[in-house]
Amino acid sequence: MNRSPLIEFKKVTKQFGEKVILDRVNLQIFEGEITAIIGLSGAGKTILLMHIIGLLTPDEGEILFQGRALSSMSKKELSSHFARISYMFQHNALFDSLNVYENIALPLKEKSSLSKTQIHQKVVARMQQMELTDSAQKYPSELSGGMQKRTALARALVTDPNIVLFDEPTSGQDPVRKNAILEMILQYKREFGFTAVLVSHEIPDIYCVSNRIIVLYNRRVVFEGTPQKLQTFAHPFQDEILQSQRSLKQELQRTGGPECKNIP
């Protein structure tokens, strides 16, 4: 059955000076799914995310949302579109001078017209859902790594986004914490129903939660499909994928992490 993509890149090219970062990139992201964009460090994954959220625009090509080119939208339409998207930064990007409550409330204070009472109600609701109520007055330096991740996710979800972008969500974490972060993303995706896009260079970590995989290699998308179809993907990149899959499967078995049917 043919489906219409929520977000589509058509021959998107981006370069800085003489350096080409994205070269005629084509890809599709579908509503309600978790799509993982994988590739080696420096492959342009974060640059790709910045195009989705509107921080960058293509030098060539088009980005479409529900079949309509962003370049054809008015400023008001673009503002409405990007308000539906939240971004969870690689290192959480919490403000050290703000406590948990204030960090979560910040997007609503800056970008919404809600009253103080309405903001308070939404922030309290998200803190309860993320089990952060007891930490409302704590500062980021007082939180564990897992609590910081939950705070960052609560901030990303407080605006009720339709799309959430995750930039290297498991980067730099130990295996047990990686498992916890992946389970958290999967749990809240089920609960809130957002479309998720994850980028990672730690290749197999996100297989367990992803519906589709997009491989970015040498500035281009060379694969789009399910994690299962990726197993038969004939490409130089596949050797690294297979080795990392074996390592992750062993680690998941050793640490009691989530069962991953997407890893053979």
Protein backbone atom coordinates (compact mmCIF):
# COMPACT_ATOMS: atom_id res chain seq x y z
CA MET A 1 0.00 0.00 0.00
CA ASN A 2 1.37 3.38 -1.03
CA ARG A 3 1.59 5.96 1.74
CA SER A 4 2.10 9.69 1.56
CA PRO A 5 5.13 10.86 3.54
CA LEU A 6 4.79 13.40 6.32
CA ILE A 7 8.19 14.91 5.47
CA GLU A 8 10.03 14.46 2.19
CA PHE A 9 13.43 15.62 0.93
CA LYS A 10 13.80 15.93 -2.84
CA LYS A 11 17.35 16.32 -4.13
CA VAL A 12 18.36 18.46 -1.16
CA THR A 13 21.90 19.83 -1.37
CA LYS A 14 23.73 21.81 1.31
CA GLN A 15 27.29 23.04 1.33
CA PHE A 16 29.40 25.38 3.42
CA GLY A 17 32.00 27.08 1.31
CA GLU A 18 33.52 24.41 -0.91
CA LYS A 19 32.48 21.55 1.38
CA VAL A 20 29.35 19.66 0.33
CA ILE A 21 27.52 18.22 3.38
CA LEU A 22 24.34 16.90 1.72
CA ASP A 23 24.41 15.97 -1.95
CA ARG A 24 21.02 15.60 -3.68
CA VAL A 25 19.50 13.83 -0.68
CA ASN A 26 16.14 12.08 -1.11
CA LEU A 27 14.28 10.65 1.88
CA GLN A 28 10.81 10.13 3.32
CA ILE A 29 9.55 10.21 6.91
CA PHE A 30 6.10 8.80 7.70
CA GLU A 31 3.64 9.94 10.33
CA GLY A 32 3.44 8.00 13.59
CA GLU A 33 6.70 6.10 13.03
CA ILE A 34 10.14 6.17 14.59
CA THR A 35 12.67 6.78 11.83
CA ALA A 36 16.37 6.40 12.56
CA ILE A 37 18.92 8.21 10.42
CA ILE A 38 22.26 6.49 10.81
CA GLY A 39 25.74 7.18 9.52
CA LEU A 40 29.31 7.68 10.57
CA SER A 41 30.39 10.73 12.56
CA GLY A 42 30.46 13.77 10.28
CA ALA A 43 28.06 12.27 7.77
CA GLY A 44 25.74 15.27 7.95
CA LYS A 45 23.01 13.82 10.18
CA THR A 46 22.70 16.85 12.45
CA ILE A 47 22.72 19.17 9.42
CA LEU A 48 19.84 17.12 8.05
CA LEU A 49 17.88 17.58 11.30
CA MET A 50 18.50 21.32 11.17
CA HIS A 51 16.79 21.39 7.78
CA ILE A 52 13.75 19.57 9.19
CA ILE A 53 13.35 22.08 12.01
CA GLY A 54 14.03 25.08 9.78
CA LEU A 55 17.36 26.22 11.20
CA LEU A 56 18.87 25.69 7.73
CA THR A 57 17.43 25.85 4.22
CA PRO A 58 18.65 23.88 1.19
CA ASP A 59 20.98 25.41 -1.37
CA GLU A 60 19.20 23.23 -3.93
CA GLY A 61 16.20 20.92 -3.86
CA GLU A 62 12.96 20.98 -1.88
CA ILE A 63 11.66 19.90 1.52
CA LEU A 64 7.98 19.00 1.56
CA PHE A 65 5.56 18.71 4.49
CA GLN A 66 2.42 16.69 3.74
CA GLY A 67 3.18 17.11 0.05
CA ARG A 68 3.67 20.86 0.12
CA ALA A 69 7.05 22.56 -0.40
CA LEU A 70 8.19 24.63 2.56
CA SER A 71 9.55 27.19 0.11
CA SER A 72 5.98 27.90 -1.05
CA MET A 73 4.66 28.62 2.46
CA SER A 74 4.09 32.08 3.87
CA LYS A 75 5.92 33.21 7.02
CA LYS A 76 2.77 32.56 9.05
CA GLU A 77 2.39 29.06 7.62
CA LEU A 78 6.06 28.27 8.26
CA SER A 79 5.77 29.50 11.84
CA SER A 80 2.74 27.28 12.39
CA HIS A 81 4.53 24.32 10.81
CA PHE A 82 7.74 24.62 12.84
CA ALA A 83 5.74 25.10 16.05
CA ARG A 84 4.69 21.46 15.64
CA ILE A 85 8.29 20.25 15.87
CA SER A 86 10.46 19.85 18.99
CA TYR A 87 14.18 19.17 19.13
CA MET A 88 15.92 17.16 21.85
CA PHE A 89 19.57 18.16 21.77
CA GLN A 90 22.44 15.69 21.95
CA HIS A 91 23.68 16.89 25.35
CA ASN A 92 20.24 17.93 26.65
CA ALA A 93 21.05 21.68 26.47
CA LEU A 94 19.45 22.37 29.84
CA PHE A 95 20.07 25.83 31.28
CA ASP A 96 22.24 25.52 34.38
CA SER A 97 20.74 28.66 35.93
CA LEU A 98 17.17 27.33 35.67
CA ASN A 99 15.65 24.58 37.77
CA VAL A 100 13.72 21.64 36.32
CA TYR A 101 10.39 23.46 36.38
CA GLU A 102 11.83 26.56 34.72
CA ASN A 103 13.66 24.56 32.04
CA ILE A 104 10.47 22.74 31.07
CA ALA A 105 8.38 25.94 31.11
CA LEU A 106 10.83 27.91 28.95
CA PRO A 107 9.43 27.04 25.48
CA LEU A 108 5.91 27.97 26.58
CA LYS A 109 7.04 31.27 28.09
CA GLU A 110 9.00 32.22 24.98
CA LYS A 111 6.79 30.98 22.15
CA SER A 112 3.21 30.66 23.36
CA SER A 113 0.48 33.09 24.36
CA LEU A 114 -0.67 30.94 27.27
CA SER A 115 -1.37 32.51 30.65
CA LYS A 116 0.82 31.81 33.67
CA THR A 117 -1.84 29.47 35.02
CA GLN A 118 -2.07 27.52 31.76
CA ILE A 119 1.72 27.23 31.55
CA HIS A 120 1.87 26.01 35.13
CA GLN A 121 -0.77 23.36 34.46
CA LYS A 122 1.05 22.03 31.39
CA VAL A 123 4.43 21.97 33.09
CA VAL A 124 3.06 20.19 36.16
CA ALA A 125 1.34 17.62 33.95
CA ARG A 126 4.56 16.86 32.05
CA MET A 127 6.58 16.60 35.27
CA GLN A 128 4.07 14.13 36.65
CA GLN A 129 4.17 12.04 33.48
CA MET A 130 7.99 12.00 33.55
CA GLU A 131 8.17 11.38 37.31
CA LEU A 132 9.99 14.67 37.85
CA THR A 133 7.65 16.29 40.39
CA ASP A 134 10.00 15.72 43.34
CA SER A 135 12.84 17.32 41.39
CA ALA A 136 10.98 20.45 40.25
CA GLN A 137 13.22 22.83 42.22
CA LYS A 138 16.49 21.05 41.49
CA TYR A 139 19.07 22.38 39.03
CA PRO A 140 20.64 20.31 36.22
CA SER A 141 23.89 19.87 38.16
CA GLU A 142 21.91 18.14 40.91
CA LEU A 143 20.35 15.59 38.56
CA SER A 144 21.56 12.20 37.38
CA GLY A 145 22.14 11.69 33.66
CA GLY A 146 18.84 9.86 33.32
CA MET A 147 16.94 12.62 35.12
CA GLN A 148 18.53 15.21 32.83
CA LYS A 149 17.35 13.25 29.80
CA ARG A 150 13.83 13.07 31.22
CA THR A 151 13.85 16.81 31.87
CA ALA A 152 15.01 17.51 28.32
CA LEU A 153 12.29 15.24 26.93
CA ALA A 154 9.65 16.87 29.13
CA ARG A 155 10.73 20.26 27.76
CA ALA A 156 10.52 18.91 24.20
CA LEU A 157 7.01 17.53 24.79
CA VAL A 158 5.52 20.41 26.79
CA THR A 159 4.46 22.18 23.57
CA ASP A 160 2.48 19.08 22.46
CA PRO A 161 4.54 18.60 19.28
CA ASN A 162 3.56 16.31 16.42
CA ILE A 163 7.21 15.62 15.56
CA VAL A 164 10.16 15.18 17.92
CA LEU A 165 13.76 15.15 16.66
CA PHE A 166 16.42 13.37 18.74
CA ASP A 167 20.05 14.25 18.04
CA GLU A 168 22.34 11.38 19.14
CA PRO A 169 20.13 10.47 22.16
CA THR A 170 22.44 7.69 23.40
CA SER A 171 25.81 9.26 22.57
CA GLY A 172 28.40 8.99 25.34
CA GLN A 173 26.18 6.85 27.59
CA ASP A 174 27.10 3.54 29.19
CA PRO A 175 25.21 0.44 27.91
CA VAL A 176 22.71 0.33 30.78
CA ARG A 177 21.83 4.01 30.39
CA LYS A 178 21.56 3.63 26.61
CA ASN A 179 18.96 0.91 27.12
CA ALA A 180 17.04 3.14 29.55
CA ILE A 181 17.03 6.08 27.10
CA LEU A 182 15.75 3.91 24.24
CA GLU A 183 13.01 2.47 26.45
CA MET A 184 12.06 6.01 27.53
CA ILE A 185 11.74 7.21 23.92
CA LEU A 186 9.64 4.17 22.99
CA GLN A 187 7.41 4.52 26.06
CA TYR A 188 6.64 8.20 25.57
CA LYS A 189 6.23 7.83 21.82
CA ARG A 190 3.49 5.27 22.54
CA GLU A 191 1.96 7.51 25.19
CA PHE A 192 1.97 10.80 23.27
CA GLY A 193 1.78 9.50 19.69
CA PHE A 194 4.37 11.79 18.14
CA THR A 195 6.40 11.06 15.03
CA ALA A 196 10.03 10.57 16.02
CA VAL A 197 13.24 11.07 14.05
CA LEU A 198 16.48 9.91 15.65
CA VAL A 199 20.00 10.40 14.35
CA SER A 200 22.91 8.31 15.57
CA HIS A 201 26.40 7.20 14.59
CA GLU A 202 26.23 4.36 17.15
CA ILE A 203 24.70 2.21 14.50
CA PRO A 204 22.64 -0.53 16.13
CA ASP A 205 21.48 1.20 19.30
CA ILE A 206 18.28 2.53 17.80
CA TYR A 207 17.29 -0.64 15.87
CA CYS A 208 15.16 -1.88 18.76
CA VAL A 209 12.79 1.11 18.63
CA SER A 210 12.84 2.04 14.93
CA ASN A 211 10.22 1.33 12.28
CA ARG A 212 12.42 2.56 9.44
CA ILE A 213 16.14 3.15 8.90
CA ILE A 214 17.73 5.74 6.63
CA VAL A 215 21.45 5.36 5.92
CA LEU A 216 23.40 8.53 5.17
CA TYR A 217 26.74 7.70 3.58
CA ASN A 218 29.17 9.88 1.63
CA ARG A 219 26.73 12.83 1.68
CA ARG A 220 23.84 10.84 0.20
CA VAL A 221 21.02 8.56 1.35
CA VAL A 222 21.98 5.06 0.19
CA PHE A 223 19.26 3.06 1.96
CA GLU A 224 15.69 3.50 3.20
CA GLY A 225 13.68 0.65 4.68
CA THR A 226 12.99 -1.54 7.69
CA PRO A 227 15.74 -2.76 10.03
CA GLN A 228 15.12 -6.27 8.71
CA LYS A 229 15.70 -5.22 5.08
CA LEU A 230 18.92 -3.54 6.11
CA GLN A 231 20.33 -7.00 6.90
CA THR A 232 20.58 -7.75 3.17
CA PHE A 233 21.82 -4.29 2.19
CA ALA A 234 24.91 -4.80 0.00
CA HIS A 235 27.18 -1.83 0.69
CA PRO A 236 30.64 -1.15 2.20
CA PHE A 237 28.85 0.37 5.17
CA GLN A 238 27.28 -3.00 5.94
CA ASP A 239 30.46 -4.54 7.37
CA GLU A 240 30.50 -1.99 10.17
CA ILE A 241 26.77 -2.43 10.77
CA LEU A 242 27.07 -6.21 11.13
CA GLN A 243 29.94 -5.98 13.60
CA SER A 244 28.18 -3.38 15.73
CA GLN A 245 24.99 -5.46 15.69
CA ARG A 246 26.82 -8.44 17.16
CA SER A 247 28.36 -6.30 19.86
CA LEU A 248 25.02 -4.73 20.80
CA LYS A 249 23.20 -8.06 20.93
CA GLN A 250 25.83 -9.43 23.32
CA GLU A 251 25.59 -6.28 25.45
CA LEU A 252 21.79 -6.41 25.60
CA GLN A 253 21.92 -10.04 26.71
CA ARG A 254 24.55 -9.29 29.33
CA THR A 255 22.83 -6.23 30.81
CA GLY A 256 19.25 -7.43 30.54
CA GLY A 257 18.31 -4.64 28.13
CA PRO A 258 15.20 -4.60 25.91
CA GLU A 259 14.69 -7.59 23.65
CA CYS A 260 15.49 -6.48 20.13
CA LYS A 261 13.82 -8.52 17.41
CA ASN A 262 15.42 -6.30 14.75
CA ILE A 263 18.89 -7.72 15.46
CA PRO A 264 19.44 -11.26 14.08
